[in-house]
PDB file of N, CA and C in Angstrom:
ATOM      1  N   MET A   1       4.488  -0.689 -15.420  1.00  0.00           N
ATOM      2  CA  MET A   1       4.672  -0.597 -13.779  1.00  0.00           C
ATOM      3  C   MET A   1       5.596   0.768 -13.797  1.00  0.00           C
ATOM      4  N   SER A   2       5.362   1.219 -12.437  1.00  0.00           N
ATOM      5  CA  SER A   2       5.856   1.920 -12.211  1.00  0.00           C
ATOM      6  C   SER A   2       7.175   2.052 -11.032  1.00  0.00           C
ATOM      7  N   ASP A   3       7.894   3.043 -11.446  1.00  0.00           N
ATOM      8  CA  ASP A   3       9.543   2.724 -10.849  1.00  0.00           C
ATOM      9  C   ASP A   3       9.236   2.470  -9.258  1.00  0.00           C
ATOM     10  N   LEU A   4       7.912   2.779  -8.747  1.00  0.00           N
ATOM     11  CA  LEU A   4       8.049   2.540  -7.275  1.00  0.00           C
ATOM     12  C   LEU A   4       7.887   1.573  -7.240  1.00  0.00           C
ATOM     13  N   ALA A   5       7.413   0.487  -8.014  1.00  0.00           N
ATOM     14  CA  ALA A   5       6.795  -0.814  -8.118  1.00  0.00           C
ATOM     15  C   ALA A   5       7.990  -1.599  -8.328  1.00  0.00           C
ATOM     16  N   SER A   6       9.062  -1.443  -8.779  1.00  0.00           N
ATOM     17  CA  SER A   6      10.094  -2.337  -9.038  1.00  0.00           C
ATOM     18  C   SER A   6      11.109  -1.964  -8.272  1.00  0.00           C
ATOM     19  N   LYS A   7      10.777  -1.148  -7.084  1.00  0.00           N
ATOM     20  CA  LYS A   7      11.856  -1.227  -5.724  1.00  0.00           C
ATOM     21  C   LYS A   7      11.216  -2.320  -4.570  1.00  0.00           C
ATOM     22  N   GLU A   8      11.990  -2.577  -3.664  1.00  0.00           N
ATOM     23  CA  GLU A   8      12.022  -3.213  -2.461  1.00  0.00           C
ATOM     24  C   GLU A   8      11.237  -2.362  -1.500  1.00  0.00           C
ATOM     25  N   CYS A   9       9.908  -3.266  -0.820  1.00  0.00           N
ATOM     26  CA  CYS A   9      10.141  -2.473   0.542  1.00  0.00           C
ATOM     27  C   CYS A   9      11.686  -2.101   1.607  1.00  0.00           C
ATOM     28  N   VAL A  10      11.343  -1.068   2.220  1.00  0.00           N
ATOM     29  CA  VAL A  10      13.417  -1.354   3.308  1.00  0.00           C
ATOM     30  C   VAL A  10      12.376  -1.543   4.629  1.00  0.00           C
ATOM     31  N   PRO A  11      12.900  -1.999   5.208  1.00  0.00           N
ATOM     32  CA  PRO A  11      12.423  -2.291   6.980  1.00  0.00           C
ATOM     33  C   PRO A  11      12.849  -1.449   7.766  1.00  0.00           C
ATOM     34  N   CYS A  12      11.750  -0.167   8.203  1.00  0.00           N
ATOM     35  CA  CYS A  12      12.207   0.486   9.167  1.00  0.00           C
ATOM     36  C   CYS A  12      12.578   0.716  10.547  1.00  0.00           C
ATOM     37  N   ARG A  13      13.192   0.895  11.035  1.00  0.00           N
ATOM     38  CA  ARG A  13      13.946   0.625  12.311  1.00  0.00           C
ATOM     39  C   ARG A  13      13.566   1.701  12.948  1.00  0.00           C
ATOM     40  N   GLY A  14      12.450   2.718  12.798  1.00  0.00           N
ATOM     41  CA  GLY A  14      12.392   3.651  13.733  1.00  0.00           C
ATOM     42  C   GLY A  14      13.060   4.469  13.781  1.00  0.00           C
ATOM     43  N   GLY A  15      13.023   5.982  14.410  1.00  0.00           N
ATOM     44  CA  GLY A  15      14.344   6.966  14.342  1.00  0.00           C
ATOM     45  C   GLY A  15      14.038   7.827  13.128  1.00  0.00           C
ATOM     46  N   VAL A  16      13.206   7.598  12.081  1.00  0.00           N
ATOM     47  CA  VAL A  16      12.965   8.102  10.521  1.00  0.00           C
ATOM     48  C   VAL A  16      11.496   8.898  10.855  1.00  0.00           C
ATOM     49  N   PRO A  17      11.737  10.169  10.812  1.00  0.00           N
ATOM     50  CA  PRO A  17      10.539  10.785  10.247  1.00  0.00           C
ATOM     51  C   PRO A  17       9.712  10.524   9.420  1.00  0.00           C
ATOM     52  N   PRO A  18       7.983  10.515   9.646  1.00  0.00           N
ATOM     53  CA  PRO A  18       7.569  10.311   8.591  1.00  0.00           C
ATOM     54  C   PRO A  18       7.438  11.098   7.381  1.00  0.00           C
ATOM     55  N   LEU A  19       7.201  11.369   6.290  1.00  0.00           N
ATOM     56  CA  LEU A  19       6.760  11.948   5.095  1.00  0.00           C
ATOM     57  C   LEU A  19       5.964  13.211   5.205  1.00  0.00           C
ATOM     58  N   THR A  20       6.051  13.911   4.857  1.00  0.00           N
ATOM     59  CA  THR A  20       4.860  15.453   5.206  1.00  0.00           C
ATOM     60  C   THR A  20       4.919  15.791   3.676  1.00  0.00           C
ATOM     61  N   GLY A  21       4.421  16.888   3.890  1.00  0.00           N
ATOM     62  CA  GLY A  21       4.134  18.158   2.872  1.00  0.00           C
ATOM     63  C   GLY A  21       4.257  17.752   1.477  1.00  0.00           C
ATOM     64  N   ASP A  22       5.489  18.245   0.669  1.00  0.00           N
ATOM     65  CA  ASP A  22       5.915  18.146  -0.921  1.00  0.00           C
ATOM     66  C   ASP A  22       6.534  16.560  -0.894  1.00  0.00           C
ATOM     67  N   GLU A  23       6.834  15.556   0.360  1.00  0.00           N
ATOM     68  CA  GLU A  23       7.290  14.552  -0.089  1.00  0.00           C
ATOM     69  C   GLU A  23       6.059  13.714  -0.438  1.00  0.00           C
ATOM     70  N   LEU A  24       5.041  13.801   0.296  1.00  0.00           N
ATOM     71  CA  LEU A  24       3.879  13.113   0.366  1.00  0.00           C
ATOM     72  C   LEU A  24       3.055  13.299  -1.255  1.00  0.00           C
ATOM     73  N   VAL A  25       2.939  14.479  -1.431  1.00  0.00           N
ATOM     74  CA  VAL A  25       2.814  15.071  -3.306  1.00  0.00           C
ATOM     75  C   VAL A  25       3.444  14.342  -3.893  1.00  0.00           C
ATOM     76  N   THR A  26       4.808  14.209  -3.831  1.00  0.00           N
ATOM     77  CA  THR A  26       5.483  13.799  -5.035  1.00  0.00           C
ATOM     78  C   THR A  26       5.663  11.885  -5.011  1.00  0.00           C
ATOM     79  N   TYR A  27       5.697  11.744  -3.471  1.00  0.00           N
ATOM     80  CA  TYR A  27       5.381  10.241  -3.700  1.00  0.00           C
ATOM     81  C   TYR A  27       3.596   9.392  -4.505  1.00  0.00           C
ATOM     82  N   HIS A  28       2.661  10.470  -4.129  1.00  0.00           N
ATOM     83  CA  HIS A  28       1.437  10.150  -4.245  1.00  0.00           C
ATOM     84  C   HIS A  28       1.521  10.280  -5.992  1.00  0.00           C
ATOM     85  N   ALA A  29       1.880  11.027  -6.657  1.00  0.00           N
ATOM     86  CA  ALA A  29       1.591  11.539  -7.901  1.00  0.00           C
ATOM     87  C   ALA A  29       2.339  10.195  -8.840  1.00  0.00           C
ATOM     88  N   GLN A  30       3.035   9.538  -7.781  1.00  0.00           N
ATOM     89  CA  GLN A  30       3.770   7.878  -8.810  1.00  0.00           C
ATOM     90  C   GLN A  30       3.039   6.867  -8.631  1.00  0.00           C
ATOM     91  N   LEU A  31       2.037   7.191  -7.685  1.00  0.00           N
ATOM     92  CA  LEU A  31       0.821   5.927  -7.703  1.00  0.00           C
ATOM     93  C   LEU A  31      -0.148   5.965  -9.022  1.00  0.00           C
ATOM     94  N   GLY A  32      -0.651   5.239  -8.585  1.00  0.00           N
ATOM     95  CA  GLY A  32      -2.230   4.828  -9.768  1.00  0.00           C
ATOM     96  C   GLY A  32      -3.286   5.076  -9.304  1.00  0.00           C
ATOM     97  N   GLY A  33      -4.116   5.536  -9.832  1.00  0.00           N
ATOM     98  CA  GLY A  33      -5.440   6.344  -9.819  1.00  0.00           C
ATOM     99  C   GLY A  33      -5.867   5.320  -8.539  1.00  0.00           C
ATOM    100  N   GLY A  34      -6.609   5.463  -7.714  1.00  0.00           N
ATOM    101  CA  GLY A  34      -7.339   5.246  -6.341  1.00  0.00           C
ATOM    102  C   GLY A  34      -6.943   5.491  -5.190  1.00  0.00           C
ATOM    103  N   TRP A  35      -5.647   5.655  -4.891  1.00  0.00           N
ATOM    104  CA  TRP A  35      -4.500   5.778  -4.324  1.00  0.00           C
ATOM    105  C   TRP A  35      -4.993   7.365  -2.923  1.00  0.00           C
ATOM    106  N   GLN A  36      -5.680   6.926  -1.964  1.00  0.00           N
ATOM    107  CA  GLN A  36      -5.803   8.149  -1.367  1.00  0.00           C
ATOM    108  C   GLN A  36      -4.562   8.121  -0.108  1.00  0.00           C
ATOM    109  N   VAL A  37      -4.032   9.682   0.288  1.00  0.00           N
ATOM    110  CA  VAL A  37      -3.562   9.397   1.359  1.00  0.00           C
ATOM    111  C   VAL A  37      -4.056  10.496   2.516  1.00  0.00           C
ATOM    112  N   VAL A  38      -4.345   9.457   3.521  1.00  0.00           N
ATOM    113  CA  VAL A  38      -5.654  10.082   4.318  1.00  0.00           C
ATOM    114  C   VAL A  38      -4.939  10.474   5.662  1.00  0.00           C
ATOM    115  N   GLU A  39      -5.239  12.066   6.200  1.00  0.00           N
ATOM    116  CA  GLU A  39      -4.834  12.502   6.993  1.00  0.00           C
ATOM    117  C   GLU A  39      -3.178  12.730   7.648  1.00  0.00           C
ATOM    118  N   ASP A  40      -2.466  12.944   6.282  1.00  0.00           N
ATOM    119  CA  ASP A  40      -1.158  12.513   6.205  1.00  0.00           C
ATOM    120  C   ASP A  40      -0.479  11.578   6.717  1.00  0.00           C
ATOM    121  N   HIS A  41      -1.188  10.581   6.776  1.00  0.00           N
ATOM    122  CA  HIS A  41      -0.736   9.406   7.796  1.00  0.00           C
ATOM    123  C   HIS A  41      -0.543   7.912   7.259  1.00  0.00           C
ATOM    124  N   HIS A  42      -1.802   7.768   6.445  1.00  0.00           N
ATOM    125  CA  HIS A  42      -1.253   6.172   5.960  1.00  0.00           C
ATOM    126  C   HIS A  42      -2.092   6.350   4.657  1.00  0.00           C
ATOM    127  N   LEU A  43      -1.963   5.277   3.923  1.00  0.00           N
ATOM    128  CA  LEU A  43      -2.447   5.399   2.417  1.00  0.00           C
ATOM    129  C   LEU A  43      -3.764   4.260   2.304  1.00  0.00           C
ATOM    130  N   GLU A  44      -4.841   4.563   1.403  1.00  0.00           N
ATOM    131  CA  GLU A  44      -5.914   3.705   1.606  1.00  0.00           C
ATOM    132  C   GLU A  44      -6.896   3.489  -0.305  1.00  0.00           C
ATOM    133  N   LYS A  45      -6.883   2.697  -0.476  1.00  0.00           N
ATOM    134  CA  LYS A  45      -7.190   2.052  -1.930  1.00  0.00           C
ATOM    135  C   LYS A  45      -8.265   1.254  -1.538  1.00  0.00           C
ATOM    136  N   THR A  46      -9.531   1.202  -2.215  1.00  0.00           N
ATOM    137  CA  THR A  46     -10.676   0.187  -2.531  1.00  0.00           C
ATOM    138  C   THR A  46     -10.621  -0.511  -3.717  1.00  0.00           C
ATOM    139  N   TYR A  47     -10.475  -1.737  -3.610  1.00  0.00           N
ATOM    140  CA  TYR A  47     -10.619  -2.284  -5.383  1.00  0.00           C
ATOM    141  C   TYR A  47     -11.604  -3.210  -5.125  1.00  0.00           C
ATOM    142  N   GLU A  48     -12.450  -3.216  -6.870  1.00  0.00           N
ATOM    143  CA  GLU A  48     -13.375  -3.918  -6.317  1.00  0.00           C
ATOM    144  C   GLU A  48     -13.800  -5.063  -7.662  1.00  0.00           C
ATOM    145  N   PHE A  49     -14.086  -6.303  -7.543  1.00  0.00           N
ATOM    146  CA  PHE A  49     -14.137  -7.486  -7.791  1.00  0.00           C
ATOM    147  C   PHE A  49     -15.814  -7.640  -8.253  1.00  0.00           C
ATOM    148  N   ASP A  50     -15.893  -8.539  -8.838  1.00  0.00           N
ATOM    149  CA  ASP A  50     -17.066  -9.008  -9.812  1.00  0.00           C
ATOM    150  C   ASP A  50     -17.458 -10.358  -8.618  1.00  0.00           C
ATOM    151  N   ASP A  51     -16.869 -10.631  -7.609  1.00  0.00           N
ATOM    152  CA  ASP A  51     -17.341 -11.875  -6.823  1.00  0.00           C
ATOM    153  C   ASP A  51     -16.770 -11.849  -5.968  1.00  0.00           C
ATOM    154  N   PHE A  52     -16.505 -12.912  -4.748  1.00  0.00           N
ATOM    155  CA  PHE A  52     -16.087 -13.176  -3.542  1.00  0.00           C
ATOM    156  C   PHE A  52     -14.896 -13.590  -4.139  1.00  0.00           C
ATOM    157  N   ARG A  53     -14.375 -14.787  -4.764  1.00  0.00           N
ATOM    158  CA  ARG A  53     -13.628 -15.654  -4.576  1.00  0.00           C
ATOM    159  C   ARG A  53     -12.529 -14.422  -5.221  1.00  0.00           C
ATOM    160  N   GLN A  54     -12.967 -13.580  -6.217  1.00  0.00           N
ATOM    161  CA  GLN A  54     -11.899 -13.020  -6.982  1.00  0.00           C
ATOM    162  C   GLN A  54     -11.293 -11.762  -5.903  1.00  0.00           C
ATOM    163  N   ALA A  55     -11.924 -11.341  -4.825  1.00  0.00           N
ATOM    164  CA  ALA A  55     -11.662 -10.484  -4.205  1.00  0.00           C
ATOM    165  C   ALA A  55     -10.906 -11.025  -3.181  1.00  0.00           C
ATOM    166  N   LEU A  56     -10.886 -12.470  -2.923  1.00  0.00           N
ATOM    167  CA  LEU A  56     -10.421 -13.502  -1.717  1.00  0.00           C
ATOM    168  C   LEU A  56      -8.994 -13.890  -2.413  1.00  0.00           C
ATOM    169  N   ASP A  57      -8.768 -13.685  -3.892  1.00  0.00           N
ATOM    170  CA  ASP A  57      -7.484 -14.290  -4.632  1.00  0.00           C
ATOM    171  C   ASP A  57      -6.603 -12.926  -4.607  1.00  0.00           C
ATOM    172  N   TYR A  58      -7.349 -12.297  -4.350  1.00  0.00           N
ATOM    173  CA  TYR A  58      -6.439 -10.833  -4.405  1.00  0.00           C
ATOM    174  C   TYR A  58      -5.870 -10.613  -3.098  1.00  0.00           C
ATOM    175  N   THR A  59      -6.997 -10.934  -2.032  1.00  0.00           N
ATOM    176  CA  THR A  59      -6.765 -10.616  -0.777  1.00  0.00           C
ATOM    177  C   THR A  59      -4.870 -11.244  -0.992  1.00  0.00           C
ATOM    178  N   ASN A  60      -5.205 -13.159  -0.994  1.00  0.00           N
ATOM    179  CA  ASN A  60      -4.171 -13.766  -0.649  1.00  0.00           C
ATOM    180  C   ASN A  60      -2.639 -13.165  -1.227  1.00  0.00           C
ATOM    181  N   LYS A  61      -3.057 -12.836  -2.708  1.00  0.00           N
ATOM    182  CA  LYS A  61      -1.594 -12.079  -3.434  1.00  0.00           C
ATOM    183  C   LYS A  61      -0.786 -10.912  -2.513  1.00  0.00           C
ATOM    184  N   VAL A  62      -1.918 -10.326  -1.875  1.00  0.00           N
ATOM    185  CA  VAL A  62      -1.937  -9.445  -1.196  1.00  0.00           C
ATOM    186  C   VAL A  62      -1.041  -9.420  -0.212  1.00  0.00           C
ATOM    187  N   GLY A  63      -1.079 -10.993   0.254  1.00  0.00           N
ATOM    188  CA  GLY A  63      -1.032 -11.287   1.672  1.00  0.00           C
ATOM    189  C   GLY A  63       0.581 -11.953   1.388  1.00  0.00           C
ATOM    190  N   GLU A  64       0.732 -12.908   0.200  1.00  0.00           N
ATOM    191  CA  GLU A  64       1.740 -13.566  -0.092  1.00  0.00           C
ATOM    192  C   GLU A  64       3.009 -12.304  -0.097  1.00  0.00           C
ATOM    193  N   MET A  65       2.696 -11.328  -1.279  1.00  0.00           N
ATOM    194  CA  MET A  65       3.489 -10.264  -1.497  1.00  0.00           C
ATOM    195  C   MET A  65       3.923  -9.173  -0.199  1.00  0.00           C
ATOM    196  N   ALA A  66       3.146  -9.463   0.868  1.00  0.00           N
ATOM    197  CA  ALA A  66       3.313  -8.596   2.444  1.00  0.00           C
ATOM    198  C   ALA A  66       4.687  -9.269   3.097  1.00  0.00           C
ATOM    199  N   GLU A  67       4.162 -10.824   2.968  1.00  0.00           N
ATOM    200  CA  GLU A  67       5.384 -11.516   3.570  1.00  0.00           C
ATOM    201  C   GLU A  67       6.727 -11.528   2.566  1.00  0.00           C
ATOM    202  N   GLU A  68       6.607 -11.578   1.498  1.00  0.00           N
ATOM    203  CA  GLU A  68       7.986 -11.230   1.159  1.00  0.00           C
ATOM    204  C   GLU A  68       8.806  -9.983   1.101  1.00  0.00           C
ATOM    205  N   GLN A  69       7.521  -9.004   1.281  1.00  0.00           N
ATOM    206  CA  GLN A  69       8.368  -7.791   1.146  1.00  0.00           C
ATOM    207  C   GLN A  69       8.237  -7.306   2.982  1.00  0.00           C
ATOM    208  N   GLY A  70       7.992  -8.016   3.774  1.00  0.00           N
ATOM    209  CA  GLY A  70       8.090  -7.699   4.907  1.00  0.00           C
ATOM    210  C   GLY A  70       7.593  -6.391   5.578  1.00  0.00           C
ATOM    211  N   HIS A  71       6.689  -6.130   4.975  1.00  0.00           N
ATOM    212  CA  HIS A  71       5.651  -4.691   5.131  1.00  0.00           C
ATOM    213  C   HIS A  71       4.150  -5.440   4.935  1.00  0.00           C
ATOM    214  N   HIS A  72       3.502  -5.397   5.810  1.00  0.00           N
ATOM    215  CA  HIS A  72       2.110  -6.016   6.088  1.00  0.00           C
ATOM    216  C   HIS A  72       0.889  -4.854   5.931  1.00  0.00           C
ATOM    217  N   PRO A  73       0.201  -4.658   5.115  1.00  0.00           N
ATOM    218  CA  PRO A  73      -0.623  -3.791   5.319  1.00  0.00           C
ATOM    219  C   PRO A  73      -2.008  -4.100   6.000  1.00  0.00           C
ATOM    220  N   ASP A  74      -3.292  -3.233   6.380  1.00  0.00           N
ATOM    221  CA  ASP A  74      -4.266  -3.813   6.750  1.00  0.00           C
ATOM    222  C   ASP A  74      -5.423  -4.238   5.823  1.00  0.00           C
ATOM    223  N   ILE A  75      -6.178  -5.120   5.593  1.00  0.00           N
ATOM    224  CA  ILE A  75      -6.903  -5.393   4.665  1.00  0.00           C
ATOM    225  C   ILE A  75      -8.007  -5.667   4.931  1.00  0.00           C
ATOM    226  N   TYR A  76      -8.993  -5.080   4.543  1.00  0.00           N
ATOM    227  CA  TYR A  76     -10.688  -5.541   4.452  1.00  0.00           C
ATOM    228  C   TYR A  76     -11.115  -6.214   3.366  1.00  0.00           C
ATOM    229  N   LEU A  77     -11.877  -6.975   3.805  1.00  0.00           N
ATOM    230  CA  LEU A  77     -12.446  -7.976   2.636  1.00  0.00           C
ATOM    231  C   LEU A  77     -13.697  -8.550   2.620  1.00  0.00           C
ATOM    232  N   ALA A  78     -14.283  -8.108   1.751  1.00  0.00           N
ATOM    233  CA  ALA A  78     -15.967  -8.314   1.788  1.00  0.00           C
ATOM    234  C   ALA A  78     -15.993  -9.064  -0.198  1.00  0.00           C
ATOM    235  N   TRP A  79     -17.688  -9.064   0.051  1.00  0.00           N
ATOM    236  CA  TRP A  79     -17.904  -9.384  -0.944  1.00  0.00           C
ATOM    237  C   TRP A  79     -17.976  -8.360  -2.547  1.00  0.00           C
ATOM    238  N   GLY A  80     -16.473  -8.595  -2.996  1.00  0.00           N
ATOM    239  CA  GLY A  80     -16.423  -7.867  -4.240  1.00  0.00           C
ATOM    240  C   GLY A  80     -15.529  -6.601  -4.143  1.00  0.00           C
ATOM    241  N   VAL A  81     -15.124  -6.840  -2.945  1.00  0.00           N
ATOM    242  CA  VAL A  81     -14.928  -5.473  -2.429  1.00  0.00           C
ATOM    243  C   VAL A  81     -13.204  -5.975  -1.313  1.00  0.00           C
ATOM    244  N   VAL A  82     -12.155  -5.401  -1.886  1.00  0.00           N
ATOM    245  CA  VAL A  82     -11.107  -5.352  -0.680  1.00  0.00           C
ATOM    246  C   VAL A  82     -10.552  -3.608  -0.713  1.00  0.00           C
ATOM    247  N   LYS A  83     -10.056  -3.787  -0.084  1.00  0.00           N
ATOM    248  CA  LYS A  83      -9.447  -2.179   0.432  1.00  0.00           C
ATOM    249  C   LYS A  83      -8.688  -2.297   1.668  1.00  0.00           C
ATOM    250  N   VAL A  84      -7.126  -1.796   0.969  1.00  0.00           N
ATOM    251  CA  VAL A  84      -5.938  -1.809   1.302  1.00  0.00           C
ATOM    252  C   VAL A  84      -5.636  -0.810   2.342  1.00  0.00           C
ATOM    253  N   THR A  85      -4.883  -0.709   3.540  1.00  0.00           N
ATOM    254  CA  THR A  85      -4.753   0.538   4.361  1.00  0.00           C
ATOM    255  C   THR A  85      -3.106   0.234   4.757  1.00  0.00           C
ATOM    256  N   ILE A  86      -1.957   1.167   4.636  1.00  0.00           N
ATOM    257  CA  ILE A  86      -0.838   1.495   4.063  1.00  0.00           C
ATOM    258  C   ILE A  86      -0.593   2.315   5.154  1.00  0.00           C
ATOM    259  N   TRP A  87       0.375   1.761   6.218  1.00  0.00           N
ATOM    260  CA  TRP A  87       1.454   2.551   7.037  1.00  0.00           C
ATOM    261  C   TRP A  87       2.446   2.246   7.675  1.00  0.00           C
ATOM    262  N   THR A  88       3.673   2.971   7.702  1.00  0.00           N
ATOM    263  CA  THR A  88       4.746   2.452   8.856  1.00  0.00           C
ATOM    264  C   THR A  88       4.390   2.135  10.309  1.00  0.00           C
ATOM    265  N   HIS A  89       3.921   0.850  11.421  1.00  0.00           N
ATOM    266  CA  HIS A  89       3.526   1.579  11.963  1.00  0.00           C
ATOM    267  C   HIS A  89       4.555   1.881  13.454  1.00  0.00           C
ATOM    268  N   LYS A  90       5.711   1.639  12.845  1.00  0.00           N
ATOM    269  CA  LYS A  90       7.230   1.557  13.700  1.00  0.00           C
ATOM    270  C   LYS A  90       7.041   3.238  13.930  1.00  0.00           C
ATOM    271  N   ILE A  91       6.619   4.311  12.706  1.00  0.00           N
ATOM    272  CA  ILE A  91       6.817   5.664  12.384  1.00  0.00           C
ATOM    273  C   ILE A  91       5.375   5.887  13.048  1.00  0.00           C
ATOM    274  N   ASP A  92       4.574   5.503  13.129  1.00  0.00           N
ATOM    275  CA  ASP A  92       3.165   5.971  13.099  1.00  0.00           C
ATOM    276  C   ASP A  92       2.480   6.876  11.576  1.00  0.00           C
ATOM    277  N   GLY A  93       3.354   6.389  10.376  1.00  0.00           N
ATOM    278  CA  GLY A  93       3.287   7.552   9.602  1.00  0.00           C
ATOM    279  C   GLY A  93       3.499   6.810   8.131  1.00  0.00           C
ATOM    280  N   LEU A  94       3.880   7.695   7.401  1.00  0.00           N
ATOM    281  CA  LEU A  94       4.257   7.313   5.431  1.00  0.00           C
ATOM    282  C   LEU A  94       5.987   7.258   5.645  1.00  0.00           C
ATOM    283  N   THR A  95       6.380   6.317   5.060  1.00  0.00           N
ATOM    284  CA  THR A  95       7.574   6.192   4.235  1.00  0.00           C
ATOM    285  C   THR A  95       8.019   5.736   2.794  1.00  0.00           C
ATOM    286  N   GLU A  96       8.686   5.860   1.968  1.00  0.00           N
ATOM    287  CA  GLU A  96       8.622   5.848   1.060  1.00  0.00           C
ATOM    288  C   GLU A  96       8.271   4.135   0.843  1.00  0.00           C
ATOM    289  N   SER A  97       8.478   3.441   1.526  1.00  0.00           N
ATOM    290  CA  SER A  97       8.217   1.773   0.873  1.00  0.00           C
ATOM    291  C   SER A  97       6.910   1.716   1.164  1.00  0.00           C
ATOM    292  N   ASP A  98       5.977   2.447   2.278  1.00  0.00           N
ATOM    293  CA  ASP A  98       4.573   2.322   2.122  1.00  0.00           C
ATOM    294  C   ASP A  98       4.126   2.540   0.367  1.00  0.00           C
ATOM    295  N   PHE A  99       4.777   3.686   0.109  1.00  0.00           N
ATOM    296  CA  PHE A  99       4.403   3.873  -1.446  1.00  0.00           C
ATOM    297  C   PHE A  99       4.605   2.932  -2.633  1.00  0.00           C
ATOM    298  N   VAL A 100       6.169   2.011  -1.978  1.00  0.00           N
ATOM    299  CA  VAL A 100       6.294   1.052  -2.298  1.00  0.00           C
ATOM    300  C   VAL A 100       5.334  -0.128  -3.113  1.00  0.00           C
ATOM    301  N   PHE A 101       5.019  -0.583  -1.644  1.00  0.00           N
ATOM    302  CA  PHE A 101       3.766  -1.138  -1.579  1.00  0.00           C
ATOM    303  C   PHE A 101       2.657  -1.056  -1.923  1.00  0.00           C
ATOM    304  N   ALA A 102       2.274  -0.030  -2.194  1.00  0.00           N
ATOM    305  CA  ALA A 102       0.880   0.502  -2.670  1.00  0.00           C
ATOM    306  C   ALA A 102       1.038   0.160  -4.538  1.00  0.00           C
ATOM    307  N   ALA A 103       2.429   0.627  -5.087  1.00  0.00           N
ATOM    308  CA  ALA A 103       2.556   0.718  -6.307  1.00  0.00           C
ATOM    309  C   ALA A 103       2.457  -0.860  -6.922  1.00  0.00           C
ATOM    310  N   LYS A 104       2.916  -1.753  -5.765  1.00  0.00           N
ATOM    311  CA  LYS A 104       3.447  -3.323  -5.915  1.00  0.00           C
ATOM    312  C   LYS A 104       1.731  -4.085  -5.652  1.00  0.00           C
ATOM    313  N   CYS A 105       0.611  -3.619  -5.029  1.00  0.00           N
ATOM    314  CA  CYS A 105      -0.194  -3.916  -5.302  1.00  0.00           C
ATOM    315  C   CYS A 105      -1.397  -3.649  -6.302  1.00  0.00           C
ATOM    316  N   ASP A 106      -0.868  -2.304  -7.268  1.00  0.00           N
ATOM    317  CA  ASP A 106      -1.826  -2.395  -7.829  1.00  0.00           C
ATOM    318  C   ASP A 106      -1.006  -3.731  -9.313  1.00  0.00           C
ATOM    319  N   THR A 107      -0.181  -3.922  -9.316  1.00  0.00           N
ATOM    320  CA  THR A 107       0.479  -4.623 -10.544  1.00  0.00           C
ATOM    321  C   THR A 107      -0.259  -6.070 -10.049  1.00  0.00           C
ATOM    322  N   LEU A 108      -0.605  -6.096  -8.884  1.00  0.00           N
ATOM    323  CA  LEU A 108      -1.224  -7.528  -8.787  1.00  0.00           C
ATOM    324  C   LEU A 108      -2.629  -8.003  -9.190  1.00  0.00           C
ATOM    325  N   ARG A 109      -2.999  -6.456  -9.514  1.00  0.00           N
ATOM    326  CA  ARG A 109      -4.522  -6.584 -10.140  1.00  0.00           C
ATOM    327  C   ARG A 109      -4.749  -7.642 -11.665  1.00  0.00           C
TER     328      ARG A 109
END
């Protein structure tokens, strides 16, 4: 488990600038493979599974974690595929909590 995965998501109250440049590079380097920083705005990863049931089970695990952490990703579910997209809506960009949530997603696999 990465150090990020052991942290908790912290609710954003707004007024915080999104991460940029070197901050994004530093946090991204701490994630497992497959995560992409898209347009310096959000994180995205596609997970592949053997069938729909496994993909659905994983989606439900992410959903439960989202409720526990108070941080809610966009989730796309298809046969054998789950795509998770994460950003902090309140500031329309990325915070440490987005990277924490991403690392936690990898531990659910």
